[in-house]
Amino acid sequence: MEEIIKKTEQFIKKELGEDTSGHDYYHVNRVRKLALHIAKNEANGDLFIIEMAALLHDIPDEKLNTDIHEGMIKLQSFLASIQLTDVQSKQIINIISKLSFRGGNEAELTTFEEKVVRDADRLDAIGAMGIARVFAYGGKKGQPIYDPDIAVRENMTVEQYRKGKSSSIHHFYEKLLLLKNRMHTETAKKLAEERHQWIENFLKQFFKEWNGDI
């Protein structure tokens, strides 16, 4: 299993090593560490499946591919190239396929492993690191830092979430501030409290400076 993990790390570095949108190898590695910490703290789950899903979770992401189909083929091809059982491959694919926020239209989770990897990925989307990643992705996508003339969107379809007009600051209200209350494991819920507070404090200071308050 150690050899499989090493091959997976090499694959991720090759695929995401030059990413500048906040979905690089370092993000993946943080999610891996968070997921393993949560699972060990909760004394539950298949650690190998959790680690593999955490490492591979961004490979099929439609933001990093032409579309979700292209990304899923890439993921399936890699899994077929390493020594996994069909059951293990299906578990990993199933976890990854349920991670996306999709404008709040998220998949229902049924296993502990799914909950752990989703919690870990979302923890890295909030806090100081989450703030940094928002602006990295916004810049890559060509979004403004903030536009007060744009309304905060609610009850979006997946299409609206992906392609509707927004800004980096709007993303905090449309996703990141919602994540604390969507954690599944007790460990993640505790970790999310501090990270959520970082976002609250940042936004308070941001608007103070945006409005020119002295």
N, C-alpha and C. Protein backbone atom coordinates (compact mmCIF):
# COMPACT_ATOMS: atom_id res chain seq x y z
N MET A 1 0.82 -1.21 0.00
CA MET A 1 0.00 0.00 0.00
C MET A 1 0.86 1.27 0.00
N GLU A 2 2.01 1.20 0.66
CA GLU A 2 2.92 2.36 0.67
C GLU A 2 3.38 2.70 -0.74
N GLU A 3 3.63 1.66 -1.54
CA GLU A 3 4.08 1.88 -2.91
C GLU A 3 2.97 2.54 -3.74
N ILE A 4 1.73 2.13 -3.50
CA ILE A 4 0.60 2.72 -4.21
C ILE A 4 0.46 4.19 -3.84
N ILE A 5 0.62 4.50 -2.56
CA ILE A 5 0.54 5.90 -2.10
C ILE A 5 1.63 6.73 -2.77
N LYS A 6 2.85 6.19 -2.87
CA LYS A 6 3.95 6.92 -3.49
C LYS A 6 3.67 7.18 -4.97
N LYS A 7 3.14 6.19 -5.67
CA LYS A 7 2.80 6.36 -7.09
C LYS A 7 1.71 7.41 -7.25
N THR A 8 0.79 7.40 -6.32
CA THR A 8 -0.31 8.38 -6.38
C THR A 8 0.21 9.79 -6.14
N GLU A 9 1.12 9.94 -5.19
CA GLU A 9 1.73 11.25 -4.93
C GLU A 9 2.45 11.76 -6.18
N GLN A 10 3.19 10.89 -6.84
CA GLN A 10 3.92 11.28 -8.05
C GLN A 10 2.95 11.70 -9.15
N PHE A 11 1.86 10.97 -9.28
CA PHE A 11 0.83 11.30 -10.28
C PHE A 11 0.22 12.67 -10.01
N ILE A 12 -0.09 12.94 -8.74
CA ILE A 12 -0.70 14.22 -8.37
C ILE A 12 0.27 15.37 -8.63
N LYS A 13 1.53 15.19 -8.28
CA LYS A 13 2.54 16.24 -8.52
C LYS A 13 2.67 16.53 -10.01
N LYS A 14 2.59 15.49 -10.82
CA LYS A 14 2.68 15.65 -12.27
C LYS A 14 1.46 16.40 -12.82
N GLU A 15 0.27 16.04 -12.33
CA GLU A 15 -0.96 16.61 -12.85
C GLU A 15 -1.26 18.02 -12.30
N LEU A 16 -0.96 18.25 -11.03
CA LEU A 16 -1.36 19.50 -10.39
C LEU A 16 -0.19 20.35 -9.91
N GLY A 17 1.02 19.92 -10.21
CA GLY A 17 2.22 20.59 -9.69
C GLY A 17 2.34 22.05 -10.05
N GLU A 18 1.80 22.46 -11.21
CA GLU A 18 1.92 23.84 -11.65
C GLU A 18 0.61 24.62 -11.54
N ASP A 19 -0.36 24.06 -10.85
CA ASP A 19 -1.64 24.74 -10.69
C ASP A 19 -1.48 26.03 -9.90
N THR A 20 -2.18 27.08 -10.33
CA THR A 20 -2.12 28.37 -9.62
C THR A 20 -3.51 28.83 -9.18
N SER A 21 -4.47 27.90 -9.16
CA SER A 21 -5.84 28.25 -8.80
C SER A 21 -6.21 27.88 -7.38
N GLY A 22 -5.22 27.38 -6.62
CA GLY A 22 -5.52 26.93 -5.26
C GLY A 22 -5.84 25.46 -5.17
N HIS A 23 -5.63 24.73 -6.27
CA HIS A 23 -5.90 23.29 -6.30
C HIS A 23 -4.61 22.52 -6.62
N ASP A 24 -3.52 22.99 -6.08
CA ASP A 24 -2.22 22.37 -6.35
C ASP A 24 -1.96 21.18 -5.42
N TYR A 25 -0.75 20.61 -5.54
CA TYR A 25 -0.40 19.45 -4.72
C TYR A 25 -0.43 19.79 -3.23
N TYR A 26 -0.08 21.01 -2.89
CA TYR A 26 -0.05 21.38 -1.47
C TYR A 26 -1.46 21.38 -0.87
N HIS A 27 -2.44 21.82 -1.66
CA HIS A 27 -3.83 21.74 -1.22
C HIS A 27 -4.22 20.27 -1.01
N VAL A 28 -3.91 19.44 -1.98
CA VAL A 28 -4.23 18.02 -1.90
C VAL A 28 -3.59 17.39 -0.67
N ASN A 29 -2.34 17.74 -0.41
CA ASN A 29 -1.63 17.18 0.74
C ASN A 29 -2.24 17.64 2.06
N ARG A 30 -2.68 18.90 2.11
CA ARG A 30 -3.35 19.37 3.33
C ARG A 30 -4.66 18.61 3.56
N VAL A 31 -5.41 18.38 2.49
CA VAL A 31 -6.66 17.64 2.61
C VAL A 31 -6.37 16.21 3.08
N ARG A 32 -5.32 15.62 2.55
CA ARG A 32 -4.92 14.27 2.98
C ARG A 32 -4.63 14.24 4.48
N LYS A 33 -3.84 15.21 4.95
CA LYS A 33 -3.48 15.26 6.38
C LYS A 33 -4.71 15.49 7.26
N LEU A 34 -5.59 16.39 6.83
CA LEU A 34 -6.80 16.67 7.59
C LEU A 34 -7.71 15.44 7.64
N ALA A 35 -7.86 14.76 6.51
CA ALA A 35 -8.73 13.59 6.46
C ALA A 35 -8.22 12.48 7.37
N LEU A 36 -6.91 12.24 7.33
CA LEU A 36 -6.34 11.20 8.19
C LEU A 36 -6.44 11.58 9.66
N HIS A 37 -6.25 12.87 9.96
CA HIS A 37 -6.40 13.33 11.35
C HIS A 37 -7.82 13.10 11.85
N ILE A 38 -8.79 13.46 11.02
CA ILE A 38 -10.20 13.30 11.42
C ILE A 38 -10.51 11.82 11.65
N ALA A 39 -10.11 10.97 10.70
CA ALA A 39 -10.42 9.55 10.80
C ALA A 39 -9.77 8.92 12.03
N LYS A 40 -8.52 9.27 12.30
CA LYS A 40 -7.84 8.72 13.46
C LYS A 40 -8.45 9.24 14.75
N ASN A 41 -8.82 10.50 14.76
CA ASN A 41 -9.42 11.10 15.95
C ASN A 41 -10.79 10.48 16.24
N GLU A 42 -11.50 10.13 15.18
CA GLU A 42 -12.82 9.53 15.33
C GLU A 42 -12.73 8.00 15.45
N ALA A 43 -11.51 7.47 15.27
CA ALA A 43 -11.28 6.03 15.36
C ALA A 43 -12.25 5.24 14.47
N ASN A 44 -12.28 5.65 13.20
CA ASN A 44 -13.25 5.04 12.28
C ASN A 44 -12.71 5.14 10.86
N GLY A 45 -13.23 4.29 9.99
CA GLY A 45 -12.94 4.40 8.57
C GLY A 45 -11.74 3.60 8.09
N ASP A 46 -11.71 3.39 6.78
CA ASP A 46 -10.60 2.72 6.09
C ASP A 46 -9.57 3.79 5.72
N LEU A 47 -8.46 3.81 6.45
CA LEU A 47 -7.47 4.87 6.27
C LEU A 47 -6.85 4.88 4.88
N PHE A 48 -6.66 3.72 4.28
CA PHE A 48 -6.09 3.66 2.94
C PHE A 48 -7.04 4.29 1.92
N ILE A 49 -8.30 3.93 1.97
CA ILE A 49 -9.30 4.48 1.04
C ILE A 49 -9.43 5.98 1.24
N ILE A 50 -9.44 6.41 2.48
CA ILE A 50 -9.54 7.85 2.80
C ILE A 50 -8.35 8.60 2.24
N GLU A 51 -7.14 8.07 2.44
CA GLU A 51 -5.94 8.74 1.95
C GLU A 51 -5.92 8.81 0.43
N MET A 52 -6.27 7.72 -0.23
CA MET A 52 -6.27 7.70 -1.69
C MET A 52 -7.31 8.67 -2.26
N ALA A 53 -8.50 8.68 -1.68
CA ALA A 53 -9.55 9.59 -2.18
C ALA A 53 -9.15 11.05 -1.96
N ALA A 54 -8.53 11.33 -0.82
CA ALA A 54 -8.08 12.69 -0.53
C ALA A 54 -7.01 13.12 -1.54
N LEU A 55 -6.07 12.25 -1.83
CA LEU A 55 -5.01 12.58 -2.76
C LEU A 55 -5.55 12.81 -4.18
N LEU A 56 -6.54 12.05 -4.58
CA LEU A 56 -7.01 12.08 -5.96
C LEU A 56 -8.25 12.95 -6.17
N HIS A 57 -8.72 13.61 -5.12
CA HIS A 57 -10.04 14.23 -5.19
C HIS A 57 -10.18 15.34 -6.23
N ASP A 58 -9.09 16.00 -6.60
CA ASP A 58 -9.21 17.10 -7.58
C ASP A 58 -8.91 16.68 -9.02
N ILE A 59 -8.52 15.43 -9.21
CA ILE A 59 -8.19 14.99 -10.57
C ILE A 59 -9.37 15.12 -11.54
N PRO A 60 -10.60 14.71 -11.16
CA PRO A 60 -11.71 14.86 -12.11
C PRO A 60 -12.46 16.18 -12.01
N ASP A 61 -12.00 17.09 -11.17
CA ASP A 61 -12.72 18.35 -10.96
C ASP A 61 -12.92 19.08 -12.29
N GLU A 62 -14.18 19.42 -12.58
CA GLU A 62 -14.46 20.06 -13.87
C GLU A 62 -13.81 21.43 -14.00
N LYS A 63 -13.45 22.06 -12.87
CA LYS A 63 -12.75 23.35 -12.93
C LYS A 63 -11.34 23.19 -13.49
N LEU A 64 -10.80 21.98 -13.40
CA LEU A 64 -9.41 21.73 -13.81
C LEU A 64 -9.32 20.90 -15.09
N ASN A 65 -10.48 20.61 -15.68
CA ASN A 65 -10.53 19.82 -16.91
C ASN A 65 -11.49 20.49 -17.90
N THR A 66 -11.50 20.00 -19.12
CA THR A 66 -12.45 20.51 -20.11
C THR A 66 -13.87 20.30 -19.63
N ASP A 67 -14.12 19.13 -19.02
CA ASP A 67 -15.41 18.84 -18.41
C ASP A 67 -15.23 17.69 -17.43
N ILE A 68 -16.29 17.37 -16.69
CA ILE A 68 -16.22 16.32 -15.67
C ILE A 68 -15.94 14.96 -16.30
N HIS A 69 -16.42 14.73 -17.52
CA HIS A 69 -16.21 13.45 -18.20
C HIS A 69 -14.72 13.23 -18.46
N GLU A 70 -14.04 14.25 -18.97
CA GLU A 70 -12.61 14.14 -19.23
C GLU A 70 -11.85 13.84 -17.94
N GLY A 71 -12.21 14.56 -16.88
CA GLY A 71 -11.53 14.35 -15.60
C GLY A 71 -11.76 12.97 -15.02
N MET A 72 -12.97 12.45 -15.17
CA MET A 72 -13.27 11.13 -14.63
C MET A 72 -12.52 10.03 -15.39
N ILE A 73 -12.37 10.21 -16.69
CA ILE A 73 -11.59 9.25 -17.47
C ILE A 73 -10.14 9.24 -16.98
N LYS A 74 -9.61 10.42 -16.69
CA LYS A 74 -8.24 10.54 -16.18
C LYS A 74 -8.10 9.80 -14.85
N LEU A 75 -9.08 9.99 -13.97
CA LEU A 75 -9.06 9.32 -12.67
C LEU A 75 -9.16 7.80 -12.84
N GLN A 76 -10.10 7.35 -13.65
CA GLN A 76 -10.30 5.91 -13.85
C GLN A 76 -9.08 5.26 -14.49
N SER A 77 -8.43 5.96 -15.40
CA SER A 77 -7.24 5.42 -16.07
C SER A 77 -6.11 5.23 -15.07
N PHE A 78 -5.95 6.21 -14.16
CA PHE A 78 -4.89 6.07 -13.17
C PHE A 78 -5.19 4.91 -12.22
N LEU A 79 -6.43 4.82 -11.75
CA LEU A 79 -6.79 3.75 -10.82
C LEU A 79 -6.59 2.38 -11.46
N ALA A 80 -6.83 2.28 -12.76
CA ALA A 80 -6.64 1.02 -13.46
C ALA A 80 -5.16 0.65 -13.60
N SER A 81 -4.29 1.64 -13.45
CA SER A 81 -2.85 1.40 -13.64
C SER A 81 -2.14 0.95 -12.37
N ILE A 82 -2.84 0.97 -11.23
CA ILE A 82 -2.24 0.56 -9.97
C ILE A 82 -2.99 -0.65 -9.41
N GLN A 83 -2.37 -1.31 -8.46
CA GLN A 83 -2.91 -2.57 -7.96
C GLN A 83 -3.99 -2.35 -6.89
N LEU A 84 -5.20 -2.10 -7.36
CA LEU A 84 -6.35 -1.97 -6.48
C LEU A 84 -7.40 -2.99 -6.86
N THR A 85 -8.21 -3.38 -5.91
CA THR A 85 -9.34 -4.24 -6.24
C THR A 85 -10.44 -3.38 -6.86
N ASP A 86 -11.37 -4.01 -7.53
CA ASP A 86 -12.51 -3.28 -8.11
C ASP A 86 -13.30 -2.56 -7.02
N VAL A 87 -13.42 -3.20 -5.88
CA VAL A 87 -14.15 -2.60 -4.76
C VAL A 87 -13.46 -1.33 -4.29
N GLN A 88 -12.14 -1.38 -4.15
CA GLN A 88 -11.38 -0.20 -3.71
C GLN A 88 -11.50 0.94 -4.70
N SER A 89 -11.36 0.63 -5.99
CA SER A 89 -11.48 1.67 -7.02
C SER A 89 -12.86 2.32 -6.99
N LYS A 90 -13.90 1.50 -6.85
CA LYS A 90 -15.27 2.03 -6.81
C LYS A 90 -15.48 2.90 -5.58
N GLN A 91 -14.90 2.48 -4.44
CA GLN A 91 -15.03 3.29 -3.23
C GLN A 91 -14.40 4.66 -3.42
N ILE A 92 -13.21 4.69 -3.99
CA ILE A 92 -12.49 5.95 -4.20
C ILE A 92 -13.25 6.86 -5.15
N ILE A 93 -13.72 6.30 -6.26
CA ILE A 93 -14.48 7.08 -7.24
C ILE A 93 -15.76 7.62 -6.62
N ASN A 94 -16.43 6.79 -5.85
CA ASN A 94 -17.68 7.19 -5.23
C ASN A 94 -17.49 8.35 -4.25
N ILE A 95 -16.44 8.29 -3.46
CA ILE A 95 -16.13 9.38 -2.52
C ILE A 95 -15.90 10.68 -3.27
N ILE A 96 -15.05 10.61 -4.28
CA ILE A 96 -14.67 11.81 -5.04
C ILE A 96 -15.88 12.40 -5.77
N SER A 97 -16.74 11.55 -6.28
CA SER A 97 -17.89 12.02 -7.05
C SER A 97 -18.91 12.76 -6.19
N LYS A 98 -18.80 12.64 -4.84
CA LYS A 98 -19.77 13.27 -3.95
C LYS A 98 -19.22 14.51 -3.23
N LEU A 99 -18.03 14.96 -3.60
CA LEU A 99 -17.40 16.06 -2.85
C LEU A 99 -17.93 17.44 -3.20
N SER A 100 -18.30 17.65 -4.43
CA SER A 100 -18.56 19.00 -4.93
C SER A 100 -19.73 19.70 -4.23
N PHE A 101 -19.55 21.00 -3.97
CA PHE A 101 -20.58 21.82 -3.34
C PHE A 101 -21.75 22.08 -4.29
N ARG A 102 -21.44 22.36 -5.56
CA ARG A 102 -22.43 22.50 -6.62
C ARG A 102 -23.51 23.54 -6.30
N GLY A 103 -23.09 24.63 -5.70
CA GLY A 103 -24.04 25.69 -5.39
C GLY A 103 -25.05 25.31 -4.33
N GLY A 104 -24.67 24.33 -3.49
CA GLY A 104 -25.58 23.85 -2.45
C GLY A 104 -26.34 22.61 -2.86
N ASN A 105 -26.22 22.22 -4.13
CA ASN A 105 -26.90 21.02 -4.64
C ASN A 105 -25.99 19.80 -4.49
N GLU A 106 -25.57 19.55 -3.25
CA GLU A 106 -24.57 18.53 -3.01
C GLU A 106 -25.19 17.14 -2.86
N ALA A 107 -24.36 16.13 -3.11
CA ALA A 107 -24.81 14.74 -3.02
C ALA A 107 -24.98 14.32 -1.56
N GLU A 108 -25.88 13.40 -1.34
CA GLU A 108 -26.08 12.86 0.01
C GLU A 108 -24.98 11.85 0.32
N LEU A 109 -24.43 11.94 1.51
CA LEU A 109 -23.34 11.04 1.91
C LEU A 109 -23.89 9.86 2.69
N THR A 110 -23.30 8.68 2.45
CA THR A 110 -23.78 7.48 3.11
C THR A 110 -22.71 6.74 3.91
N THR A 111 -21.43 7.03 3.66
CA THR A 111 -20.37 6.32 4.38
C THR A 111 -19.51 7.29 5.18
N PHE A 112 -18.84 6.75 6.18
CA PHE A 112 -17.94 7.56 6.99
C PHE A 112 -16.81 8.13 6.15
N GLU A 113 -16.28 7.32 5.24
CA GLU A 113 -15.18 7.76 4.39
C GLU A 113 -15.58 8.96 3.53
N GLU A 114 -16.79 8.95 3.01
CA GLU A 114 -17.29 10.09 2.23
C GLU A 114 -17.34 11.35 3.08
N LYS A 115 -17.82 11.20 4.29
CA LYS A 115 -17.95 12.34 5.19
C LYS A 115 -16.59 12.92 5.57
N VAL A 116 -15.63 12.05 5.83
CA VAL A 116 -14.29 12.50 6.24
C VAL A 116 -13.61 13.30 5.14
N VAL A 117 -13.62 12.77 3.92
CA VAL A 117 -12.91 13.44 2.82
C VAL A 117 -13.61 14.75 2.46
N ARG A 118 -14.94 14.77 2.47
CA ARG A 118 -15.63 16.03 2.19
C ARG A 118 -15.33 17.06 3.28
N ASP A 119 -15.37 16.64 4.54
CA ASP A 119 -15.06 17.56 5.64
C ASP A 119 -13.65 18.13 5.49
N ALA A 120 -12.70 17.27 5.17
CA ALA A 120 -11.30 17.70 5.05
C ALA A 120 -11.13 18.70 3.91
N ASP A 121 -11.75 18.43 2.77
CA ASP A 121 -11.66 19.33 1.62
C ASP A 121 -12.28 20.69 1.96
N ARG A 122 -13.37 20.69 2.69
CA ARG A 122 -14.05 21.94 3.02
C ARG A 122 -13.33 22.70 4.13
N LEU A 123 -12.63 22.00 4.99
CA LEU A 123 -11.83 22.70 6.00
C LEU A 123 -10.73 23.52 5.33
N ASP A 124 -10.18 23.00 4.24
CA ASP A 124 -9.12 23.74 3.54
C ASP A 124 -9.69 24.87 2.71
N ALA A 125 -11.02 24.96 2.62
CA ALA A 125 -11.67 26.05 1.89
C ALA A 125 -12.01 27.21 2.81
N ILE A 126 -11.80 27.04 4.12
CA ILE A 126 -12.08 28.12 5.06
C ILE A 126 -10.83 28.41 5.89
N GLY A 127 -10.91 29.42 6.76
CA GLY A 127 -9.72 29.82 7.51
C GLY A 127 -8.79 30.67 6.67
N ALA A 128 -7.59 30.90 7.18
CA ALA A 128 -6.61 31.72 6.48
C ALA A 128 -6.26 31.14 5.11
N MET A 129 -6.12 29.81 5.07
CA MET A 129 -5.80 29.18 3.78
C MET A 129 -6.95 29.32 2.81
N GLY A 130 -8.17 29.18 3.30
CA GLY A 130 -9.32 29.33 2.44
C GLY A 130 -9.41 30.72 1.85
N ILE A 131 -9.11 31.74 2.65
CA ILE A 131 -9.11 33.12 2.17
C ILE A 131 -8.11 33.29 1.03
N ALA A 132 -6.91 32.75 1.23
CA ALA A 132 -5.87 32.85 0.19
C ALA A 132 -6.33 32.15 -1.09
N ARG A 133 -6.93 31.00 -0.95
CA ARG A 133 -7.34 30.22 -2.11
C ARG A 133 -8.48 30.89 -2.89
N VAL A 134 -9.37 31.56 -2.18
CA VAL A 134 -10.47 32.27 -2.86
C VAL A 134 -9.92 33.28 -3.86
N PHE A 135 -8.95 34.05 -3.44
CA PHE A 135 -8.43 35.10 -4.32
C PHE A 135 -7.51 34.54 -5.40
N ALA A 136 -6.84 33.44 -5.11
CA ALA A 136 -6.05 32.78 -6.15
C ALA A 136 -6.97 32.28 -7.26
N TYR A 137 -8.07 31.64 -6.87
CA TYR A 137 -9.00 31.11 -7.87
C TYR A 137 -9.73 32.23 -8.59
N GLY A 138 -10.15 33.26 -7.85
CA GLY A 138 -10.84 34.38 -8.47
C GLY A 138 -9.99 35.08 -9.51
N GLY A 139 -8.71 35.26 -9.19
CA GLY A 139 -7.80 35.88 -10.15
C GLY A 139 -7.60 35.00 -11.38
N LYS A 140 -7.47 33.72 -11.15
CA LYS A 140 -7.29 32.78 -12.27
C LYS A 140 -8.51 32.79 -13.18
N LYS A 141 -9.68 32.92 -12.58
CA LYS A 141 -10.94 32.89 -13.34
C LYS A 141 -11.28 34.24 -13.95
N GLY A 142 -10.57 35.30 -13.53
CA GLY A 142 -10.84 36.63 -14.07
C GLY A 142 -11.98 37.34 -13.38
N GLN A 143 -12.30 36.95 -12.15
CA GLN A 143 -13.36 37.61 -11.40
C GLN A 143 -12.83 38.84 -10.67
N PRO A 144 -13.66 39.85 -10.45
CA PRO A 144 -13.23 41.00 -9.64
C PRO A 144 -13.09 40.58 -8.17
N ILE A 145 -12.29 41.34 -7.42
CA ILE A 145 -12.21 41.09 -5.98
C ILE A 145 -13.59 41.27 -5.36
N TYR A 146 -14.26 42.37 -5.73
CA TYR A 146 -15.60 42.64 -5.20
C TYR A 146 -16.32 43.60 -6.13
N ASP A 147 -17.60 43.39 -6.30
CA ASP A 147 -18.44 44.30 -7.07
C ASP A 147 -19.74 44.49 -6.29
N PRO A 148 -19.94 45.64 -5.65
CA PRO A 148 -21.13 45.84 -4.82
C PRO A 148 -22.44 45.86 -5.61
N ASP A 149 -22.36 45.96 -6.92
CA ASP A 149 -23.57 45.97 -7.74
C ASP A 149 -24.09 44.57 -8.05
N ILE A 150 -23.31 43.55 -7.69
CA ILE A 150 -23.74 42.17 -7.90
C ILE A 150 -24.44 41.68 -6.64
N ALA A 151 -25.59 41.05 -6.81
CA ALA A 151 -26.33 40.51 -5.66
C ALA A 151 -25.76 39.16 -5.25
N VAL A 152 -25.78 38.89 -3.95
CA VAL A 152 -25.40 37.57 -3.46
C VAL A 152 -26.45 36.57 -3.91
N ARG A 153 -26.03 35.48 -4.52
CA ARG A 153 -26.95 34.50 -5.09
C ARG A 153 -27.36 33.43 -4.07
N GLU A 154 -28.63 33.06 -4.10
CA GLU A 154 -29.14 31.98 -3.26
C GLU A 154 -29.96 31.03 -4.11
N ASN A 155 -30.10 29.80 -3.65
CA ASN A 155 -30.90 28.79 -4.35
C ASN A 155 -30.53 28.69 -5.82
N MET A 156 -29.25 28.51 -6.06
CA MET A 156 -28.74 28.43 -7.43
C MET A 156 -28.83 27.02 -7.99
N THR A 157 -28.94 26.93 -9.32
CA THR A 157 -28.73 25.66 -10.00
C THR A 157 -27.22 25.46 -10.11
N VAL A 158 -26.81 24.27 -10.46
CA VAL A 158 -25.38 24.00 -10.65
C VAL A 158 -24.84 24.89 -11.76
N GLU A 159 -25.60 25.05 -12.84
CA GLU A 159 -25.18 25.88 -13.99
C GLU A 159 -25.01 27.33 -13.56
N GLN A 160 -25.93 27.84 -12.76
CA GLN A 160 -25.83 29.22 -12.28
C GLN A 160 -24.62 29.40 -11.37
N TYR A 161 -24.37 28.42 -10.54
CA TYR A 161 -23.24 28.49 -9.62
C TYR A 161 -21.92 28.50 -10.38
N ARG A 162 -21.83 27.67 -11.41
CA ARG A 162 -20.59 27.56 -12.18
C ARG A 162 -20.33 28.77 -13.08
N LYS A 163 -21.41 29.31 -13.70
CA LYS A 163 -21.21 30.28 -14.77
C LYS A 163 -21.82 31.65 -14.52
N GLY A 164 -22.54 31.81 -13.40
CA GLY A 164 -23.15 33.10 -13.11
C GLY A 164 -22.14 34.15 -12.70
N LYS A 165 -22.53 35.41 -12.80
CA LYS A 165 -21.65 36.52 -12.46
C LYS A 165 -21.46 36.61 -10.95
N SER A 166 -20.21 36.73 -10.53
CA SER A 166 -19.92 36.77 -9.09
C SER A 166 -18.59 37.47 -8.88
N SER A 167 -18.12 37.50 -7.63
CA SER A 167 -16.81 38.06 -7.29
C SER A 167 -16.21 37.20 -6.20
N SER A 168 -14.96 37.44 -5.89
CA SER A 168 -14.30 36.66 -4.84
C SER A 168 -14.98 36.87 -3.49
N ILE A 169 -15.33 38.10 -3.17
CA ILE A 169 -16.01 38.37 -1.90
C ILE A 169 -17.39 37.72 -1.87
N HIS A 170 -18.09 37.72 -2.97
CA HIS A 170 -19.40 37.07 -3.03
C HIS A 170 -19.28 35.57 -2.73
N HIS A 171 -18.15 34.98 -3.13
CA HIS A 171 -17.96 33.54 -2.92
C HIS A 171 -17.98 33.17 -1.43
N PHE A 172 -17.54 34.11 -0.59
CA PHE A 172 -17.61 33.85 0.85
C PHE A 172 -19.05 33.63 1.29
N TYR A 173 -19.95 34.46 0.76
CA TYR A 173 -21.36 34.40 1.16
C TYR A 173 -22.13 33.28 0.45
N GLU A 174 -21.67 32.94 -0.74
CA GLU A 174 -22.36 31.93 -1.53
C GLU A 174 -21.90 30.51 -1.21
N LYS A 175 -20.75 30.40 -0.53
CA LYS A 175 -20.28 29.06 -0.18
C LYS A 175 -19.56 29.00 1.17
N LEU A 176 -18.47 29.73 1.31
CA LEU A 176 -17.56 29.49 2.44
C LEU A 176 -18.18 29.69 3.81
N LEU A 177 -19.01 30.73 3.96
CA LEU A 177 -19.64 30.96 5.26
C LEU A 177 -20.69 29.90 5.59
N LEU A 178 -21.07 29.11 4.60
CA LEU A 178 -22.07 28.07 4.81
C LEU A 178 -21.46 26.74 5.25
N LEU A 179 -20.15 26.61 5.09
CA LEU A 179 -19.53 25.30 5.27
C LEU A 179 -19.46 24.84 6.72
N LYS A 180 -19.30 25.76 7.64
CA LYS A 180 -19.17 25.38 9.06
C LYS A 180 -20.34 24.51 9.50
N ASN A 181 -21.53 24.87 9.07
CA ASN A 181 -22.72 24.13 9.50
C ASN A 181 -23.02 22.92 8.62
N ARG A 182 -22.11 22.62 7.70
CA ARG A 182 -22.31 21.46 6.83
C ARG A 182 -21.26 20.38 7.07
N MET A 183 -20.47 20.53 8.14
CA MET A 183 -19.51 19.50 8.50
C MET A 183 -20.25 18.30 9.07
N HIS A 184 -19.69 17.12 8.88
CA HIS A 184 -20.35 15.89 9.30
C HIS A 184 -19.73 15.26 10.55
N THR A 185 -18.42 15.28 10.66
CA THR A 185 -17.76 14.64 11.79
C THR A 185 -17.58 15.64 12.93
N GLU A 186 -17.56 15.12 14.14
CA GLU A 186 -17.39 15.98 15.31
C GLU A 186 -16.04 16.69 15.29
N THR A 187 -15.01 15.98 14.84
CA THR A 187 -13.67 16.57 14.77
C THR A 187 -13.65 17.76 13.82
N ALA A 188 -14.26 17.60 12.66
CA ALA A 188 -14.29 18.68 11.67
C ALA A 188 -15.11 19.86 12.17
N LYS A 189 -16.20 19.58 12.85
CA LYS A 189 -17.03 20.66 13.39
C LYS A 189 -16.22 21.55 14.33
N LYS A 190 -15.38 20.94 15.16
CA LYS A 190 -14.55 21.70 16.10
C LYS A 190 -13.49 22.51 15.36
N LEU A 191 -12.84 21.88 14.38
CA LEU A 191 -11.81 22.58 13.61
C LEU A 191 -12.41 23.73 12.80
N ALA A 192 -13.64 23.56 12.35
CA ALA A 192 -14.27 24.58 11.52
C ALA A 192 -14.59 25.85 12.29
N GLU A 193 -14.80 25.76 13.58
CA GLU A 193 -15.16 26.94 14.38
C GLU A 193 -14.12 28.04 14.26
N GLU A 194 -12.86 27.70 14.51
CA GLU A 194 -11.79 28.70 14.44
C GLU A 194 -11.61 29.23 13.02
N ARG A 195 -11.65 28.33 12.06
CA ARG A 195 -11.45 28.75 10.67
C ARG A 195 -12.58 29.66 10.20
N HIS A 196 -13.78 29.36 10.61
CA HIS A 196 -14.93 30.21 10.27
C HIS A 196 -14.74 31.60 10.85
N GLN A 197 -14.22 31.68 12.06
CA GLN A 197 -14.02 32.98 12.70
C GLN A 197 -13.00 33.82 11.95
N TRP A 198 -12.00 33.17 11.37
CA TRP A 198 -11.02 33.88 10.56
C TRP A 198 -11.71 34.58 9.38
N ILE A 199 -12.64 33.90 8.77
CA ILE A 199 -13.37 34.48 7.64
C ILE A 199 -14.22 35.66 8.10
N GLU A 200 -14.93 35.50 9.20
CA GLU A 200 -15.75 36.58 9.74
C GLU A 200 -14.91 37.82 10.02
N ASN A 201 -13.76 37.62 10.64
CA ASN A 201 -12.88 38.74 10.97
C ASN A 201 -12.33 39.41 9.72
N PHE A 202 -11.96 38.58 8.74
CA PHE A 202 -11.43 39.12 7.49
C PHE A 202 -12.46 39.99 6.79
N LEU A 203 -13.69 39.50 6.67
CA LEU A 203 -14.73 40.25 5.97
C LEU A 203 -15.05 41.56 6.68
N LYS A 204 -15.04 41.53 7.99
CA LYS A 204 -15.28 42.76 8.76
C LYS A 204 -14.22 43.81 8.44
N GLN A 205 -12.96 43.38 8.40
CA GLN A 205 -11.86 44.30 8.10
C GLN A 205 -11.89 44.72 6.63
N PHE A 206 -12.23 43.77 5.75
CA PHE A 206 -12.29 44.08 4.33
C PHE A 206 -13.27 45.22 4.05
N PHE A 207 -14.48 45.10 4.57
CA PHE A 207 -15.49 46.13 4.31
C PHE A 207 -15.18 47.45 4.99
N LYS A 208 -14.48 47.37 6.10
CA LYS A 208 -14.04 48.61 6.76
C LYS A 208 -13.10 49.38 5.83
N GLU A 209 -12.16 48.66 5.24
CA GLU A 209 -11.19 49.30 4.35
C GLU A 209 -11.84 49.63 2.99
N TRP A 210 -12.72 48.77 2.50
CA TRP A 210 -13.40 49.04 1.22
C TRP A 210 -14.19 50.33 1.27
N ASN A 211 -14.83 50.55 2.40
CA ASN A 211 -15.65 51.75 2.56
C ASN A 211 -14.85 52.98 2.97
N GLY A 212 -13.54 52.82 3.12
CA GLY A 212 -12.69 53.94 3.47
C GLY A 212 -12.86 54.42 4.90
N ASP A 213 -13.31 53.54 5.79
CA ASP A 213 -13.47 53.92 7.20
C ASP A 213 -12.11 54.06 7.85
N ILE A 214 -11.90 55.15 8.53
CA ILE A 214 -10.62 55.40 9.20
C ILE A 214 -10.77 55.09 10.70
